[in-house]
Amino acid sequence: MINVEYIENKANIAYIKISGHANYDDYGKDIVCSAVSAISIGALNALRNIENYAITQKEGLIIIESKNESSYEDNIILQTMLTQLKTIEQSYPKFIQIVRLIKRKE
């Protein structure tokens, strides 16, 4: 299962962690993993002020952590990414779960 955790402070996305694998189908045929990857990498590529974020990206893990308040444009990009991931969650709830955190889990 893909787990998405995020923190939103005053409508500003401060933290997003995407981890795991959907296991919807075999590697290379997993449409849920493909969709989540395309959405998240597309959002990272669209961020205008990438230096404002600490980003971890490796197999099965993406963490986006704001160093300071996001610009309006970057926050829209992150909000859009979450909306797209929530849409996938509605269609494939056994393979992706999204949780809003109050504070970051270590």
PDB file of N, CA and C in Angstrom:
ATOM      1  N   MET A   1       0.837  -1.178   0.000  1.00  0.00           N
ATOM      2  CA  MET A   1       0.000   0.000   0.000  1.00  0.00           C
ATOM      3  C   MET A   1       0.881   1.241   0.000  1.00  0.00           C
ATOM      4  N   ILE A   2       0.432   2.246  -0.722  1.00  0.00           N
ATOM      5  CA  ILE A   2       1.097   3.542  -0.699  1.00  0.00           C
ATOM      6  C   ILE A   2       0.473   4.356   0.426  1.00  0.00           C
ATOM      7  N   ASN A   3       1.324   4.924   1.261  1.00  0.00           N
ATOM      8  CA  ASN A   3       0.874   5.789   2.353  1.00  0.00           C
ATOM      9  C   ASN A   3       1.314   7.213   2.067  1.00  0.00           C
ATOM     10  N   VAL A   4       0.370   8.125   2.169  1.00  0.00           N
ATOM     11  CA  VAL A   4       0.654   9.545   2.001  1.00  0.00           C
ATOM     12  C   VAL A   4       0.291  10.231   3.307  1.00  0.00           C
ATOM     13  N   GLU A   5       1.253  10.936   3.871  1.00  0.00           N
ATOM     14  CA  GLU A   5       1.037  11.706   5.091  1.00  0.00           C
ATOM     15  C   GLU A   5       1.379  13.151   4.764  1.00  0.00           C
ATOM     16  N   TYR A   6       0.573  14.069   5.288  1.00  0.00           N
ATOM     17  CA  TYR A   6       0.866  15.478   5.030  1.00  0.00           C
ATOM     18  C   TYR A   6       0.464  16.336   6.217  1.00  0.00           C
ATOM     19  N   ILE A   7       1.104  17.493   6.286  1.00  0.00           N
ATOM     20  CA  ILE A   7       0.793  18.494   7.303  1.00  0.00           C
ATOM     21  C   ILE A   7       0.455  19.784   6.560  1.00  0.00           C
ATOM     22  N   GLU A   8      -0.662  20.351   6.966  1.00  0.00           N
ATOM     23  CA  GLU A   8      -1.117  21.608   6.376  1.00  0.00           C
ATOM     24  C   GLU A   8      -1.278  22.618   7.501  1.00  0.00           C
ATOM     25  N   ASN A   9      -0.550  23.730   7.402  1.00  0.00           N
ATOM     26  CA  ASN A   9      -0.634  24.807   8.388  1.00  0.00           C
ATOM     27  C   ASN A   9      -1.218  26.038   7.720  1.00  0.00           C
ATOM     28  N   LYS A  10      -2.394  26.447   8.182  1.00  0.00           N
ATOM     29  CA  LYS A  10      -3.049  27.639   7.625  1.00  0.00           C
ATOM     30  C   LYS A  10      -3.158  27.556   6.108  1.00  0.00           C
ATOM     31  N   ALA A  11      -3.637  26.435   5.601  1.00  0.00           N
ATOM     32  CA  ALA A  11      -3.832  26.189   4.167  1.00  0.00           C
ATOM     33  C   ALA A  11      -2.513  26.162   3.388  1.00  0.00           C
ATOM     34  N   ASN A  12      -1.399  26.040   4.100  1.00  0.00           N
ATOM     35  CA  ASN A  12      -0.084  25.963   3.479  1.00  0.00           C
ATOM     36  C   ASN A  12       0.463  24.551   3.722  1.00  0.00           C
ATOM     37  N   ILE A  13       0.823  23.838   2.656  1.00  0.00           N
ATOM     38  CA  ILE A  13       1.365  22.496   2.801  1.00  0.00           C
ATOM     39  C   ILE A  13       2.799  22.602   3.318  1.00  0.00           C
ATOM     40  N   ALA A  14       3.037  22.042   4.503  1.00  0.00           N
ATOM     41  CA  ALA A  14       4.359  22.131   5.127  1.00  0.00           C
ATOM     42  C   ALA A  14       5.167  20.847   4.964  1.00  0.00           C
ATOM     43  N   TYR A  15       4.476  19.718   4.754  1.00  0.00           N
ATOM     44  CA  TYR A  15       5.169  18.425   4.744  1.00  0.00           C
ATOM     45  C   TYR A  15       4.318  17.409   4.000  1.00  0.00           C
ATOM     46  N   ILE A  16       4.964  16.633   3.131  1.00  0.00           N
ATOM     47  CA  ILE A  16       4.307  15.516   2.454  1.00  0.00           C
ATOM     48  C   ILE A  16       5.288  14.355   2.419  1.00  0.00           C
ATOM     49  N   LYS A  17       4.801  13.189   2.810  1.00  0.00           N
ATOM     50  CA  LYS A  17       5.600  11.964   2.719  1.00  0.00           C
ATOM     51  C   LYS A  17       4.785  10.928   1.960  1.00  0.00           C
ATOM     52  N   ILE A  18       5.341  10.424   0.881  1.00  0.00           N
ATOM     53  CA  ILE A  18       4.721   9.380   0.070  1.00  0.00           C
ATOM     54  C   ILE A  18       5.641   8.172   0.163  1.00  0.00           C
ATOM     55  N   SER A  19       5.110   7.054   0.686  1.00  0.00           N
ATOM     56  CA  SER A  19       5.970   5.889   0.875  1.00  0.00           C
ATOM     57  C   SER A  19       5.236   4.603   0.523  1.00  0.00           C
ATOM     58  N   GLY A  20       6.023   3.603   0.165  1.00  0.00           N
ATOM     59  CA  GLY A  20       5.487   2.283  -0.105  1.00  0.00           C
ATOM     60  C   GLY A  20       5.205   2.030  -1.572  1.00  0.00           C
ATOM     61  N   HIS A  21       4.615   0.889  -1.823  1.00  0.00           N
ATOM     62  CA  HIS A  21       4.240   0.466  -3.169  1.00  0.00           C
ATOM     63  C   HIS A  21       2.801  -0.028  -3.126  1.00  0.00           C
ATOM     64  N   ALA A  22       2.066   0.213  -4.173  1.00  0.00           N
ATOM     65  CA  ALA A  22       0.649  -0.156  -4.204  1.00  0.00           C
ATOM     66  C   ALA A  22       0.447  -1.664  -4.265  1.00  0.00           C
ATOM     67  N   ASN A  23       1.303  -2.360  -5.014  1.00  0.00           N
ATOM     68  CA  ASN A  23       1.140  -3.798  -5.249  1.00  0.00           C
ATOM     69  C   ASN A  23      -0.205  -4.115  -5.910  1.00  0.00           C
ATOM     70  N   TYR A  24      -0.661  -3.205  -6.750  1.00  0.00           N
ATOM     71  CA  TYR A  24      -1.882  -3.414  -7.513  1.00  0.00           C
ATOM     72  C   TYR A  24      -1.677  -4.469  -8.593  1.00  0.00           C
ATOM     73  N   ASP A  25      -0.455  -4.479  -9.169  1.00  0.00           N
ATOM     74  CA  ASP A  25      -0.111  -5.425 -10.230  1.00  0.00           C
ATOM     75  C   ASP A  25       1.403  -5.625 -10.205  1.00  0.00           C
ATOM     76  N   ASP A  26       1.893  -6.439 -11.114  1.00  0.00           N
ATOM     77  CA  ASP A  26       3.324  -6.696 -11.211  1.00  0.00           C
ATOM     78  C   ASP A  26       4.086  -5.410 -11.507  1.00  0.00           C
ATOM     79  N   TYR A  27       5.368  -5.406 -11.125  1.00  0.00           N
ATOM     80  CA  TYR A  27       6.249  -4.274 -11.410  1.00  0.00           C
ATOM     81  C   TYR A  27       6.197  -3.960 -12.907  1.00  0.00           C
ATOM     82  N   GLY A  28       6.030  -2.720 -13.233  1.00  0.00           N
ATOM     83  CA  GLY A  28       5.940  -2.296 -14.627  1.00  0.00           C
ATOM     84  C   GLY A  28       4.521  -2.301 -15.177  1.00  0.00           C
ATOM     85  N   LYS A  29       3.595  -2.902 -14.439  1.00  0.00           N
ATOM     86  CA  LYS A  29       2.192  -2.941 -14.852  1.00  0.00           C
ATOM     87  C   LYS A  29       1.275  -2.302 -13.801  1.00  0.00           C
ATOM     88  N   ASP A  30       1.860  -1.785 -12.744  1.00  0.00           N
ATOM     89  CA  ASP A  30       1.097  -1.264 -11.607  1.00  0.00           C
ATOM     90  C   ASP A  30       0.635   0.169 -11.913  1.00  0.00           C
ATOM     91  N   ILE A  31      -0.641   0.307 -12.303  1.00  0.00           N
ATOM     92  CA  ILE A  31      -1.152   1.617 -12.704  1.00  0.00           C
ATOM     93  C   ILE A  31      -1.277   2.574 -11.516  1.00  0.00           C
ATOM     94  N   VAL A  32      -1.467   2.056 -10.316  1.00  0.00           N
ATOM     95  CA  VAL A  32      -1.576   2.930  -9.152  1.00  0.00           C
ATOM     96  C   VAL A  32      -0.206   3.537  -8.839  1.00  0.00           C
ATOM     97  N   CYS A  33       0.829   2.709  -8.795  1.00  0.00           N
ATOM     98  CA  CYS A  33       2.188   3.226  -8.565  1.00  0.00           C
ATOM     99  C   CYS A  33       2.598   4.205  -9.669  1.00  0.00           C
ATOM    100  N   SER A  34       2.275   3.865 -10.896  1.00  0.00           N
ATOM    101  CA  SER A  34       2.619   4.739 -12.021  1.00  0.00           C
ATOM    102  C   SER A  34       1.951   6.099 -11.885  1.00  0.00           C
ATOM    103  N   ALA A  35       0.684   6.093 -11.530  1.00  0.00           N
ATOM    104  CA  ALA A  35      -0.044   7.357 -11.387  1.00  0.00           C
ATOM    105  C   ALA A  35       0.526   8.199 -10.254  1.00  0.00           C
ATOM    106  N   VAL A  36       0.786   7.576  -9.116  1.00  0.00           N
ATOM    107  CA  VAL A  36       1.342   8.306  -7.964  1.00  0.00           C
ATOM    108  C   VAL A  36       2.728   8.857  -8.308  1.00  0.00           C
ATOM    109  N   SER A  37       3.537   8.063  -8.978  1.00  0.00           N
ATOM    110  CA  SER A  37       4.877   8.523  -9.383  1.00  0.00           C
ATOM    111  C   SER A  37       4.792   9.700 -10.343  1.00  0.00           C
ATOM    112  N   ALA A  38       3.940   9.589 -11.343  1.00  0.00           N
ATOM    113  CA  ALA A  38       3.812  10.666 -12.333  1.00  0.00           C
ATOM    114  C   ALA A  38       3.331  11.960 -11.686  1.00  0.00           C
ATOM    115  N   ILE A  39       2.354  11.852 -10.812  1.00  0.00           N
ATOM    116  CA  ILE A  39       1.826  13.042 -10.135  1.00  0.00           C
ATOM    117  C   ILE A  39       2.884  13.675  -9.238  1.00  0.00           C
ATOM    118  N   SER A  40       3.554  12.876  -8.432  1.00  0.00           N
ATOM    119  CA  SER A  40       4.511  13.436  -7.475  1.00  0.00           C
ATOM    120  C   SER A  40       5.761  13.994  -8.163  1.00  0.00           C
ATOM    121  N   ILE A  41       6.289  13.293  -9.140  1.00  0.00           N
ATOM    122  CA  ILE A  41       7.470  13.797  -9.860  1.00  0.00           C
ATOM    123  C   ILE A  41       7.107  15.031 -10.679  1.00  0.00           C
ATOM    124  N   GLY A  42       5.932  15.020 -11.273  1.00  0.00           N
ATOM    125  CA  GLY A  42       5.461  16.207 -11.996  1.00  0.00           C
ATOM    126  C   GLY A  42       5.354  17.416 -11.087  1.00  0.00           C
ATOM    127  N   ALA A  43       4.839  17.216  -9.878  1.00  0.00           N
ATOM    128  CA  ALA A  43       4.736  18.320  -8.921  1.00  0.00           C
ATOM    129  C   ALA A  43       6.121  18.826  -8.517  1.00  0.00           C
ATOM    130  N   LEU A  44       7.050  17.907  -8.244  1.00  0.00           N
ATOM    131  CA  LEU A  44       8.417  18.324  -7.898  1.00  0.00           C
ATOM    132  C   LEU A  44       9.038  19.141  -9.030  1.00  0.00           C
ATOM    133  N   ASN A  45       8.840  18.693 -10.256  1.00  0.00           N
ATOM    134  CA  ASN A  45       9.388  19.415 -11.404  1.00  0.00           C
ATOM    135  C   ASN A  45       8.747  20.786 -11.595  1.00  0.00           C
ATOM    136  N   ALA A  46       7.519  20.949 -11.124  1.00  0.00           N
ATOM    137  CA  ALA A  46       6.803  22.215 -11.308  1.00  0.00           C
ATOM    138  C   ALA A  46       7.096  23.246 -10.218  1.00  0.00           C
ATOM    139  N   LEU A  47       7.651  22.815  -9.074  1.00  0.00           N
ATOM    140  CA  LEU A  47       7.920  23.769  -7.999  1.00  0.00           C
ATOM    141  C   LEU A  47       8.842  24.875  -8.493  1.00  0.00           C
ATOM    142  N   ARG A  48       8.461  26.104  -8.218  1.00  0.00           N
ATOM    143  CA  ARG A  48       9.210  27.256  -8.713  1.00  0.00           C
ATOM    144  C   ARG A  48      10.393  27.612  -7.816  1.00  0.00           C
ATOM    145  N   ASN A  49      10.233  27.388  -6.517  1.00  0.00           N
ATOM    146  CA  ASN A  49      11.267  27.763  -5.547  1.00  0.00           C
ATOM    147  C   ASN A  49      11.774  26.517  -4.839  1.00  0.00           C
ATOM    148  N   ILE A  50      12.371  25.624  -5.598  1.00  0.00           N
ATOM    149  CA  ILE A  50      12.800  24.320  -5.091  1.00  0.00           C
ATOM    150  C   ILE A  50      13.757  24.451  -3.907  1.00  0.00           C
ATOM    151  N   GLU A  51      14.509  25.548  -3.838  1.00  0.00           N
ATOM    152  CA  GLU A  51      15.450  25.751  -2.730  1.00  0.00           C
ATOM    153  C   GLU A  51      14.741  25.954  -1.389  1.00  0.00           C
ATOM    154  N   ASN A  52      13.437  26.196  -1.411  1.00  0.00           N
ATOM    155  CA  ASN A  52      12.659  26.356  -0.179  1.00  0.00           C
ATOM    156  C   ASN A  52      12.233  25.018   0.435  1.00  0.00           C
ATOM    157  N   TYR A  53      12.670  23.919  -0.160  1.00  0.00           N
ATOM    158  CA  TYR A  53      12.230  22.601   0.288  1.00  0.00           C
ATOM    159  C   TYR A  53      13.411  21.664   0.536  1.00  0.00           C
ATOM    160  N   ALA A  54      13.264  20.841   1.564  1.00  0.00           N
ATOM    161  CA  ALA A  54      14.162  19.705   1.759  1.00  0.00           C
ATOM    162  C   ALA A  54      13.445  18.526   1.116  1.00  0.00           C
ATOM    163  N   ILE A  55      14.076  17.922   0.114  1.00  0.00           N
ATOM    164  CA  ILE A  55      13.423  16.859  -0.649  1.00  0.00           C
ATOM    165  C   ILE A  55      14.251  15.583  -0.551  1.00  0.00           C
ATOM    166  N   THR A  56      13.573  14.495  -0.216  1.00  0.00           N
ATOM    167  CA  THR A  56      14.168  13.166  -0.228  1.00  0.00           C
ATOM    168  C   THR A  56      13.432  12.377  -1.295  1.00  0.00           C
ATOM    169  N   GLN A  57      14.194  11.765  -2.183  1.00  0.00           N
ATOM    170  CA  GLN A  57      13.574  10.984  -3.252  1.00  0.00           C
ATOM    171  C   GLN A  57      14.418   9.737  -3.497  1.00  0.00           C
ATOM    172  N   LYS A  58      13.800   8.569  -3.273  1.00  0.00           N
ATOM    173  CA  LYS A  58      14.440   7.304  -3.583  1.00  0.00           C
ATOM    174  C   LYS A  58      13.351   6.273  -3.827  1.00  0.00           C
ATOM    175  N   GLU A  59      13.725   5.060  -4.128  1.00  0.00           N
ATOM    176  CA  GLU A  59      12.764   3.998  -4.440  1.00  0.00           C
ATOM    177  C   GLU A  59      11.725   3.870  -3.325  1.00  0.00           C
ATOM    178  N   GLY A  60      10.474   4.089  -3.658  1.00  0.00           N
ATOM    179  CA  GLY A  60       9.385   3.919  -2.714  1.00  0.00           C
ATOM    180  C   GLY A  60       9.241   5.013  -1.674  1.00  0.00           C
ATOM    181  N   LEU A  61       9.913   6.159  -1.872  1.00  0.00           N
ATOM    182  CA  LEU A  61       9.845   7.227  -0.873  1.00  0.00           C
ATOM    183  C   LEU A  61      10.068   8.595  -1.510  1.00  0.00           C
ATOM    184  N   ILE A  62       9.165   9.503  -1.200  1.00  0.00           N
ATOM    185  CA  ILE A  62       9.346  10.922  -1.517  1.00  0.00           C
ATOM    186  C   ILE A  62       8.922  11.705  -0.284  1.00  0.00           C
ATOM    187  N   ILE A  63       9.801  12.599   0.161  1.00  0.00           N
ATOM    188  CA  ILE A  63       9.468  13.502   1.257  1.00  0.00           C
ATOM    189  C   ILE A  63       9.718  14.920   0.772  1.00  0.00           C
ATOM    190  N   ILE A  64       8.718  15.756   0.952  1.00  0.00           N
ATOM    191  CA  ILE A  64       8.819  17.175   0.598  1.00  0.00           C
ATOM    192  C   ILE A  64       8.546  17.949   1.885  1.00  0.00           C
ATOM    193  N   GLU A  65       9.550  18.667   2.356  1.00  0.00           N
ATOM    194  CA  GLU A  65       9.403  19.409   3.604  1.00  0.00           C
ATOM    195  C   GLU A  65       9.768  20.868   3.374  1.00  0.00           C
ATOM    196  N   SER A  66       8.822  21.740   3.666  1.00  0.00           N
ATOM    197  CA  SER A  66       9.036  23.168   3.470  1.00  0.00           C
ATOM    198  C   SER A  66       9.997  23.701   4.530  1.00  0.00           C
ATOM    199  N   LYS A  67      11.004  24.454   4.090  1.00  0.00           N
ATOM    200  CA  LYS A  67      11.946  25.075   5.027  1.00  0.00           C
ATOM    201  C   LYS A  67      11.356  26.351   5.613  1.00  0.00           C
ATOM    202  N   ASN A  68      10.539  27.029   4.844  1.00  0.00           N
ATOM    203  CA  ASN A  68       9.803  28.205   5.289  1.00  0.00           C
ATOM    204  C   ASN A  68       8.489  28.233   4.508  1.00  0.00           C
ATOM    205  N   GLU A  69       7.665  29.204   4.735  1.00  0.00           N
ATOM    206  CA  GLU A  69       6.347  29.213   4.104  1.00  0.00           C
ATOM    207  C   GLU A  69       6.466  29.181   2.581  1.00  0.00           C
ATOM    208  N   SER A  70       5.675  28.318   1.969  1.00  0.00           N
ATOM    209  CA  SER A  70       5.691  28.159   0.517  1.00  0.00           C
ATOM    210  C   SER A  70       5.129  29.400  -0.165  1.00  0.00           C
ATOM    211  N   SER A  71       5.615  29.658  -1.365  1.00  0.00           N
ATOM    212  CA  SER A  71       5.028  30.724  -2.160  1.00  0.00           C
ATOM    213  C   SER A  71       3.612  30.318  -2.553  1.00  0.00           C
ATOM    214  N   TYR A  72       2.818  31.274  -2.941  1.00  0.00           N
ATOM    215  CA  TYR A  72       1.442  30.996  -3.359  1.00  0.00           C
ATOM    216  C   TYR A  72       1.426  29.974  -4.492  1.00  0.00           C
ATOM    217  N   GLU A  73       2.290  30.162  -5.485  1.00  0.00           N
ATOM    218  CA  GLU A  73       2.330  29.267  -6.640  1.00  0.00           C
ATOM    219  C   GLU A  73       2.724  27.845  -6.241  1.00  0.00           C
ATOM    220  N   ASP A  74       3.763  27.724  -5.417  1.00  0.00           N
ATOM    221  CA  ASP A  74       4.201  26.395  -4.987  1.00  0.00           C
ATOM    222  C   ASP A  74       3.141  25.713  -4.134  1.00  0.00           C
ATOM    223  N   ASN A  75       2.460  26.466  -3.299  1.00  0.00           N
ATOM    224  CA  ASN A  75       1.411  25.866  -2.488  1.00  0.00           C
ATOM    225  C   ASN A  75       0.270  25.349  -3.360  1.00  0.00           C
ATOM    226  N   ILE A  76      -0.069  26.067  -4.415  1.00  0.00           N
ATOM    227  CA  ILE A  76      -1.094  25.604  -5.358  1.00  0.00           C
ATOM    228  C   ILE A  76      -0.646  24.290  -6.003  1.00  0.00           C
ATOM    229  N   ILE A  77       0.626  24.196  -6.367  1.00  0.00           N
ATOM    230  CA  ILE A  77       1.154  22.962  -6.964  1.00  0.00           C
ATOM    231  C   ILE A  77       1.016  21.802  -5.976  1.00  0.00           C
ATOM    232  N   LEU A  78       1.389  22.012  -4.721  1.00  0.00           N
ATOM    233  CA  LEU A  78       1.306  20.951  -3.720  1.00  0.00           C
ATOM    234  C   LEU A  78      -0.150  20.597  -3.394  1.00  0.00           C
ATOM    235  N   GLN A  79      -1.019  21.594  -3.338  1.00  0.00           N
ATOM    236  CA  GLN A  79      -2.447  21.343  -3.115  1.00  0.00           C
ATOM    237  C   GLN A  79      -3.027  20.523  -4.271  1.00  0.00           C
ATOM    238  N   THR A  80      -2.636  20.870  -5.483  1.00  0.00           N
ATOM    239  CA  THR A  80      -3.109  20.138  -6.666  1.00  0.00           C
ATOM    240  C   THR A  80      -2.615  18.697  -6.624  1.00  0.00           C
ATOM    241  N   MET A  81      -1.358  18.507  -6.241  1.00  0.00           N
ATOM    242  CA  MET A  81      -0.825  17.157  -6.119  1.00  0.00           C
ATOM    243  C   MET A  81      -1.653  16.340  -5.119  1.00  0.00           C
ATOM    244  N   LEU A  82      -1.967  16.916  -3.966  1.00  0.00           N
ATOM    245  CA  LEU A  82      -2.769  16.206  -2.971  1.00  0.00           C
ATOM    246  C   LEU A  82      -4.168  15.896  -3.498  1.00  0.00           C
ATOM    247  N   THR A  83      -4.768  16.819  -4.210  1.00  0.00           N
ATOM    248  CA  THR A  83      -6.089  16.579  -4.792  1.00  0.00           C
ATOM    249  C   THR A  83      -6.042  15.425  -5.777  1.00  0.00           C
ATOM    250  N   GLN A  84      -5.009  15.380  -6.602  1.00  0.00           N
ATOM    251  CA  GLN A  84      -4.865  14.283  -7.562  1.00  0.00           C
ATOM    252  C   GLN A  84      -4.658  12.950  -6.844  1.00  0.00           C
ATOM    253  N   LEU A  85      -3.849  12.938  -5.787  1.00  0.00           N
ATOM    254  CA  LEU A  85      -3.629  11.708  -5.023  1.00  0.00           C
ATOM    255  C   LEU A  85      -4.916  11.262  -4.327  1.00  0.00           C
ATOM    256  N   LYS A  86      -5.696  12.212  -3.825  1.00  0.00           N
ATOM    257  CA  LYS A  86      -6.973  11.874  -3.194  1.00  0.00           C
ATOM    258  C   LYS A  86      -7.947  11.272  -4.210  1.00  0.00           C
ATOM    259  N   THR A  87      -7.875  11.724  -5.445  1.00  0.00           N
ATOM    260  CA  THR A  87      -8.711  11.162  -6.502  1.00  0.00           C
ATOM    261  C   THR A  87      -8.338   9.701  -6.755  1.00  0.00           C
ATOM    262  N   ILE A  88      -7.048   9.401  -6.753  1.00  0.00           N
ATOM    263  CA  ILE A  88      -6.607   8.008  -6.895  1.00  0.00           C
ATOM    264  C   ILE A  88      -7.081   7.192  -5.699  1.00  0.00           C
ATOM    265  N   GLU A  89      -6.977   7.772  -4.501  1.00  0.00           N
ATOM    266  CA  GLU A  89      -7.420   7.072  -3.297  1.00  0.00           C
ATOM    267  C   GLU A  89      -8.912   6.719  -3.377  1.00  0.00           C
ATOM    268  N   GLN A  90      -9.718   7.594  -3.929  1.00  0.00           N
ATOM    269  CA  GLN A  90     -11.153   7.315  -4.061  1.00  0.00           C
ATOM    270  C   GLN A  90     -11.403   6.119  -4.976  1.00  0.00           C
ATOM    271  N   SER A  91     -10.606   5.983  -6.010  1.00  0.00           N
ATOM    272  CA  SER A  91     -10.781   4.882  -6.960  1.00  0.00           C
ATOM    273  C   SER A  91     -10.114   3.587  -6.507  1.00  0.00           C
ATOM    274  N   TYR A  92      -9.032   3.697  -5.750  1.00  0.00           N
ATOM    275  CA  TYR A  92      -8.244   2.520  -5.348  1.00  0.00           C
ATOM    276  C   TYR A  92      -7.941   2.553  -3.844  1.00  0.00           C
ATOM    277  N   PRO A  93      -8.957   2.546  -2.985  1.00  0.00           N
ATOM    278  CA  PRO A  93      -8.724   2.705  -1.540  1.00  0.00           C
ATOM    279  C   PRO A  93      -7.953   1.556  -0.892  1.00  0.00           C
ATOM    280  N   LYS A  94      -7.865   0.417  -1.539  1.00  0.00           N
ATOM    281  CA  LYS A  94      -7.095  -0.703  -0.979  1.00  0.00           C
ATOM    282  C   LYS A  94      -5.602  -0.560  -1.265  1.00  0.00           C
ATOM    283  N   PHE A  95      -5.240   0.414  -2.105  1.00  0.00           N
ATOM    284  CA  PHE A  95      -3.856   0.513  -2.561  1.00  0.00           C
ATOM    285  C   PHE A  95      -3.176   1.834  -2.216  1.00  0.00           C
ATOM    286  N   ILE A  96      -3.942   2.824  -1.774  1.00  0.00           N
ATOM    287  CA  ILE A  96      -3.355   4.107  -1.372  1.00  0.00           C
ATOM    288  C   ILE A  96      -4.203   4.689  -0.243  1.00  0.00           C
ATOM    289  N   GLN A  97      -3.506   5.198   0.778  1.00  0.00           N
ATOM    290  CA  GLN A  97      -4.176   5.803   1.927  1.00  0.00           C
ATOM    291  C   GLN A  97      -3.525   7.152   2.201  1.00  0.00           C
ATOM    292  N   ILE A  98      -4.361   8.171   2.395  1.00  0.00           N
ATOM    293  CA  ILE A  98      -3.870   9.521   2.655  1.00  0.00           C
ATOM    294  C   ILE A  98      -4.343   9.957   4.039  1.00  0.00           C
ATOM    295  N   VAL A  99      -3.387  10.456   4.846  1.00  0.00           N
ATOM    296  CA  VAL A  99      -3.682  10.851   6.216  1.00  0.00           C
ATOM    297  C   VAL A  99      -3.113  12.247   6.452  1.00  0.00           C
ATOM    298  N   ARG A 100      -3.949  13.123   6.985  1.00  0.00           N
ATOM    299  CA  ARG A 100      -3.471  14.436   7.403  1.00  0.00           C
ATOM    300  C   ARG A 100      -2.961  14.336   8.831  1.00  0.00           C
ATOM    301  N   LEU A 101      -1.717  14.727   9.031  1.00  0.00           N
ATOM    302  CA  LEU A 101      -1.095  14.674  10.360  1.00  0.00           C
ATOM    303  C   LEU A 101      -1.233  16.021  11.060  1.00  0.00           C
ATOM    304  N   ILE A 102      -1.297  15.978  12.365  1.00  0.00           N
ATOM    305  CA  ILE A 102      -1.264  17.213  13.154  1.00  0.00           C
ATOM    306  C   ILE A 102       0.182  17.684  13.296  1.00  0.00           C
ATOM    307  N   LYS A 103       1.074  16.734  13.551  1.00  0.00           N
ATOM    308  CA  LYS A 103       2.502  17.030  13.574  1.00  0.00           C
ATOM    309  C   LYS A 103       3.243  15.843  13.000  1.00  0.00           C
ATOM    310  N   ARG A 104       4.440  16.055  12.584  1.00  0.00           N
ATOM    311  CA  ARG A 104       5.244  15.066  11.887  1.00  0.00           C
ATOM    312  C   ARG A 104       5.577  13.864  12.746  1.00  0.00           C
ATOM    313  N   LYS A 105       5.402  12.664  12.159  1.00  0.00           N
ATOM    314  CA  LYS A 105       5.834  11.428  12.812  1.00  0.00           C
ATOM    315  C   LYS A 105       7.311  11.239  12.522  1.00  0.00           C
ATOM    316  N   GLU A 106       8.061  10.880  13.524  1.00  0.00           N
ATOM    317  CA  GLU A 106       9.509  10.652  13.316  1.00  0.00           C
ATOM    318  C   GLU A 106       9.765   9.250  12.866  1.00  0.00           C
TER     319      GLU A 106
END
